[in-house]
Amino acid sequence: MKLPRDLSGRALVNCLCRNWDYKALHQSGSHIILETEIPGHQRIPVPDHSFLRVGTLNAILRLVSAHKGVSKEDILDMLQ
């Protein structure tokens, strides 16, 4: 599946909070810090940019999919 080129950091944060049990802790500069306790503790920074770079989006999706035990495609399906 091809990664979206027009996804904002805020839209990704909203999806992860709504569908994948993440909570926005705070914002440090231009990064929103997300945290989850399910299935274990994880914190990830997400840039609050209007368009995420493909490599940055891929890295975030890789972290979330490894932690949650799902594929990147499952996460992307929730974005649309």
N, C-alpha and C. Protein backbone atom coordinates (compact mmCIF):
# COMPACT_ATOMS: atom_id res chain seq x y z
N MET A 1 0.84 -1.18 0.00
CA MET A 1 0.00 0.00 0.00
C MET A 1 0.88 1.24 0.00
N LYS A 2 0.50 2.20 -0.82
CA LYS A 2 1.26 3.43 -0.94
C LYS A 2 0.92 4.37 0.22
N LEU A 3 1.94 5.00 0.77
CA LEU A 3 1.74 5.93 1.89
C LEU A 3 1.16 7.24 1.38
N PRO A 4 0.24 7.84 2.13
CA PRO A 4 -0.33 9.13 1.70
C PRO A 4 0.72 10.24 1.77
N ARG A 5 0.66 11.13 0.80
CA ARG A 5 1.62 12.24 0.73
C ARG A 5 1.08 13.52 1.36
N ASP A 6 -0.21 13.54 1.67
CA ASP A 6 -0.83 14.78 2.14
C ASP A 6 -1.37 14.65 3.57
N LEU A 7 -0.80 13.76 4.35
CA LEU A 7 -1.27 13.52 5.71
C LEU A 7 -0.58 14.48 6.67
N SER A 8 -1.37 15.17 7.48
CA SER A 8 -0.78 16.08 8.46
C SER A 8 -0.47 15.32 9.75
N GLY A 9 0.42 15.88 10.53
CA GLY A 9 0.76 15.28 11.82
C GLY A 9 -0.43 15.26 12.75
N ARG A 10 -1.23 16.32 12.72
CA ARG A 10 -2.41 16.41 13.58
C ARG A 10 -3.44 15.33 13.22
N ALA A 11 -3.61 15.05 11.92
CA ALA A 11 -4.55 14.00 11.50
C ALA A 11 -4.07 12.63 11.95
N LEU A 12 -2.76 12.40 11.89
CA LEU A 12 -2.21 11.13 12.36
C LEU A 12 -2.41 10.98 13.87
N VAL A 13 -2.17 12.05 14.62
CA VAL A 13 -2.37 12.03 16.07
C VAL A 13 -3.83 11.71 16.39
N ASN A 14 -4.76 12.37 15.71
CA ASN A 14 -6.18 12.12 15.94
C ASN A 14 -6.54 10.67 15.68
N CYS A 15 -6.01 10.08 14.62
CA CYS A 15 -6.28 8.68 14.29
C CYS A 15 -5.71 7.75 15.35
N LEU A 16 -4.48 7.99 15.77
CA LEU A 16 -3.86 7.12 16.76
C LEU A 16 -4.57 7.22 18.11
N CYS A 17 -5.02 8.41 18.47
CA CYS A 17 -5.74 8.57 19.74
C CYS A 17 -7.13 7.94 19.67
N ARG A 18 -7.81 8.11 18.57
CA ARG A 18 -9.18 7.62 18.44
C ARG A 18 -9.23 6.10 18.28
N ASN A 19 -8.32 5.53 17.51
CA ASN A 19 -8.43 4.12 17.13
C ASN A 19 -7.42 3.18 17.78
N TRP A 20 -6.31 3.70 18.29
CA TRP A 20 -5.24 2.81 18.75
C TRP A 20 -4.83 3.05 20.20
N ASP A 21 -5.66 3.65 21.00
CA ASP A 21 -5.46 3.81 22.45
C ASP A 21 -4.25 4.66 22.83
N TYR A 22 -3.90 5.62 22.00
CA TYR A 22 -2.84 6.57 22.37
C TYR A 22 -3.49 7.80 23.00
N LYS A 23 -2.73 8.49 23.83
CA LYS A 23 -3.17 9.74 24.43
C LYS A 23 -2.09 10.79 24.19
N ALA A 24 -2.54 11.99 23.83
CA ALA A 24 -1.60 13.09 23.64
C ALA A 24 -1.22 13.64 25.01
N LEU A 25 0.05 13.53 25.36
CA LEU A 25 0.53 14.02 26.66
C LEU A 25 0.73 15.52 26.66
N HIS A 26 1.56 15.98 25.74
CA HIS A 26 1.88 17.40 25.65
C HIS A 26 2.53 17.67 24.32
N GLN A 27 2.77 18.94 24.07
CA GLN A 27 3.48 19.33 22.86
C GLN A 27 4.78 19.98 23.27
N SER A 28 5.86 19.50 22.67
CA SER A 28 7.18 20.04 22.94
C SER A 28 7.72 20.62 21.64
N GLY A 29 7.68 21.93 21.52
CA GLY A 29 8.06 22.56 20.27
C GLY A 29 7.04 22.22 19.20
N SER A 30 7.52 21.63 18.10
CA SER A 30 6.60 21.28 17.01
C SER A 30 6.24 19.79 17.03
N HIS A 31 6.51 19.10 18.13
CA HIS A 31 6.21 17.67 18.22
C HIS A 31 5.15 17.41 19.30
N ILE A 32 4.19 16.58 18.93
CA ILE A 32 3.17 16.14 19.87
C ILE A 32 3.63 14.80 20.43
N ILE A 33 3.67 14.67 21.73
CA ILE A 33 4.14 13.45 22.38
C ILE A 33 2.92 12.58 22.71
N LEU A 34 2.91 11.37 22.16
CA LEU A 34 1.83 10.42 22.39
C LEU A 34 2.32 9.31 23.31
N GLU A 35 1.40 8.77 24.10
CA GLU A 35 1.74 7.69 25.02
C GLU A 35 0.61 6.66 25.03
N THR A 36 0.98 5.40 25.20
CA THR A 36 0.01 4.33 25.38
C THR A 36 0.53 3.37 26.44
N GLU A 37 -0.39 2.69 27.07
CA GLU A 37 -0.05 1.65 28.05
C GLU A 37 -0.54 0.28 27.57
N ILE A 38 -1.13 0.23 26.39
CA ILE A 38 -1.70 -1.02 25.87
C ILE A 38 -0.90 -1.45 24.66
N PRO A 39 -0.28 -2.59 24.58
CA PRO A 39 -0.15 -3.65 25.57
C PRO A 39 0.96 -3.38 26.58
N GLY A 40 1.78 -2.37 26.33
CA GLY A 40 2.85 -1.98 27.26
C GLY A 40 3.11 -0.50 27.07
N HIS A 41 4.04 0.04 27.82
CA HIS A 41 4.33 1.47 27.77
C HIS A 41 5.10 1.82 26.50
N GLN A 42 4.64 2.87 25.82
CA GLN A 42 5.34 3.39 24.65
C GLN A 42 5.04 4.88 24.52
N ARG A 43 6.07 5.65 24.21
CA ARG A 43 5.93 7.07 23.89
C ARG A 43 6.52 7.30 22.52
N ILE A 44 5.80 8.07 21.71
CA ILE A 44 6.31 8.42 20.38
C ILE A 44 6.06 9.90 20.11
N PRO A 45 7.02 10.57 19.50
CA PRO A 45 6.81 11.96 19.08
C PRO A 45 6.27 11.99 17.64
N VAL A 46 5.31 12.86 17.40
CA VAL A 46 4.76 13.04 16.06
C VAL A 46 4.90 14.52 15.70
N PRO A 47 5.58 14.84 14.60
CA PRO A 47 5.71 16.24 14.21
C PRO A 47 4.35 16.84 13.87
N ASP A 48 4.09 18.03 14.36
CA ASP A 48 2.84 18.74 14.08
C ASP A 48 3.05 19.60 12.83
N HIS A 49 3.29 18.94 11.71
CA HIS A 49 3.52 19.63 10.44
C HIS A 49 2.30 19.46 9.54
N SER A 50 2.16 20.35 8.57
CA SER A 50 1.00 20.27 7.69
C SER A 50 1.07 19.04 6.79
N PHE A 51 2.25 18.63 6.39
CA PHE A 51 2.43 17.40 5.63
C PHE A 51 3.62 16.64 6.20
N LEU A 52 3.40 15.38 6.58
CA LEU A 52 4.49 14.55 7.09
C LEU A 52 5.29 14.02 5.93
N ARG A 53 6.60 13.98 6.08
CA ARG A 53 7.45 13.37 5.06
C ARG A 53 7.21 11.86 5.06
N VAL A 54 7.42 11.24 3.92
CA VAL A 54 7.11 9.82 3.77
C VAL A 54 7.96 8.97 4.71
N GLY A 55 9.23 9.30 4.86
CA GLY A 55 10.10 8.54 5.76
C GLY A 55 9.69 8.68 7.22
N THR A 56 9.27 9.87 7.60
CA THR A 56 8.81 10.10 8.97
C THR A 56 7.54 9.33 9.24
N LEU A 57 6.59 9.39 8.31
CA LEU A 57 5.33 8.64 8.45
C LEU A 57 5.60 7.15 8.51
N ASN A 58 6.49 6.66 7.66
CA ASN A 58 6.82 5.24 7.65
C ASN A 58 7.44 4.80 8.98
N ALA A 59 8.30 5.63 9.54
CA ALA A 59 8.93 5.30 10.83
C ALA A 59 7.91 5.25 11.96
N ILE A 60 6.98 6.20 11.97
CA ILE A 60 5.95 6.21 13.01
C ILE A 60 5.05 5.00 12.86
N LEU A 61 4.64 4.70 11.63
CA LEU A 61 3.79 3.53 11.39
C LEU A 61 4.50 2.23 11.78
N ARG A 62 5.79 2.16 11.53
CA ARG A 62 6.57 0.97 11.88
C ARG A 62 6.61 0.80 13.40
N LEU A 63 6.80 1.89 14.15
CA LEU A 63 6.81 1.82 15.61
C LEU A 63 5.47 1.37 16.16
N VAL A 64 4.39 1.97 15.66
CA VAL A 64 3.05 1.64 16.16
C VAL A 64 2.69 0.21 15.80
N SER A 65 2.96 -0.21 14.56
CA SER A 65 2.58 -1.56 14.15
C SER A 65 3.36 -2.63 14.91
N ALA A 66 4.63 -2.37 15.20
CA ALA A 66 5.41 -3.35 15.98
C ALA A 66 4.89 -3.42 17.41
N HIS A 67 4.53 -2.29 17.98
CA HIS A 67 4.07 -2.27 19.37
C HIS A 67 2.69 -2.89 19.53
N LYS A 68 1.81 -2.60 18.59
CA LYS A 68 0.42 -3.08 18.68
C LYS A 68 0.24 -4.47 18.06
N GLY A 69 1.22 -4.94 17.29
CA GLY A 69 1.11 -6.26 16.68
C GLY A 69 0.16 -6.30 15.49
N VAL A 70 0.08 -5.19 14.76
CA VAL A 70 -0.77 -5.12 13.57
C VAL A 70 0.11 -4.68 12.39
N SER A 71 -0.44 -4.73 11.21
CA SER A 71 0.32 -4.30 10.04
C SER A 71 0.15 -2.79 9.82
N LYS A 72 1.08 -2.21 9.07
CA LYS A 72 0.98 -0.79 8.75
C LYS A 72 -0.28 -0.50 7.94
N GLU A 73 -0.68 -1.46 7.11
CA GLU A 73 -1.89 -1.28 6.30
C GLU A 73 -3.14 -1.16 7.18
N ASP A 74 -3.17 -1.91 8.29
CA ASP A 74 -4.31 -1.82 9.21
C ASP A 74 -4.42 -0.40 9.79
N ILE A 75 -3.29 0.19 10.10
CA ILE A 75 -3.29 1.54 10.65
C ILE A 75 -3.72 2.54 9.57
N LEU A 76 -3.19 2.38 8.36
CA LEU A 76 -3.55 3.28 7.28
C LEU A 76 -5.02 3.17 6.91
N ASP A 77 -5.60 1.99 7.03
CA ASP A 77 -7.02 1.82 6.73
C ASP A 77 -7.88 2.67 7.65
N MET A 78 -7.45 2.84 8.90
CA MET A 78 -8.20 3.65 9.86
C MET A 78 -8.11 5.14 9.55
N LEU A 79 -7.11 5.55 8.77
CA LEU A 79 -6.95 6.96 8.42
C LEU A 79 -7.99 7.42 7.42
N GLN A 80 -8.52 6.51 6.61
CA GLN A 80 -9.44 6.91 5.53
C GLN A 80 -10.86 6.74 5.88
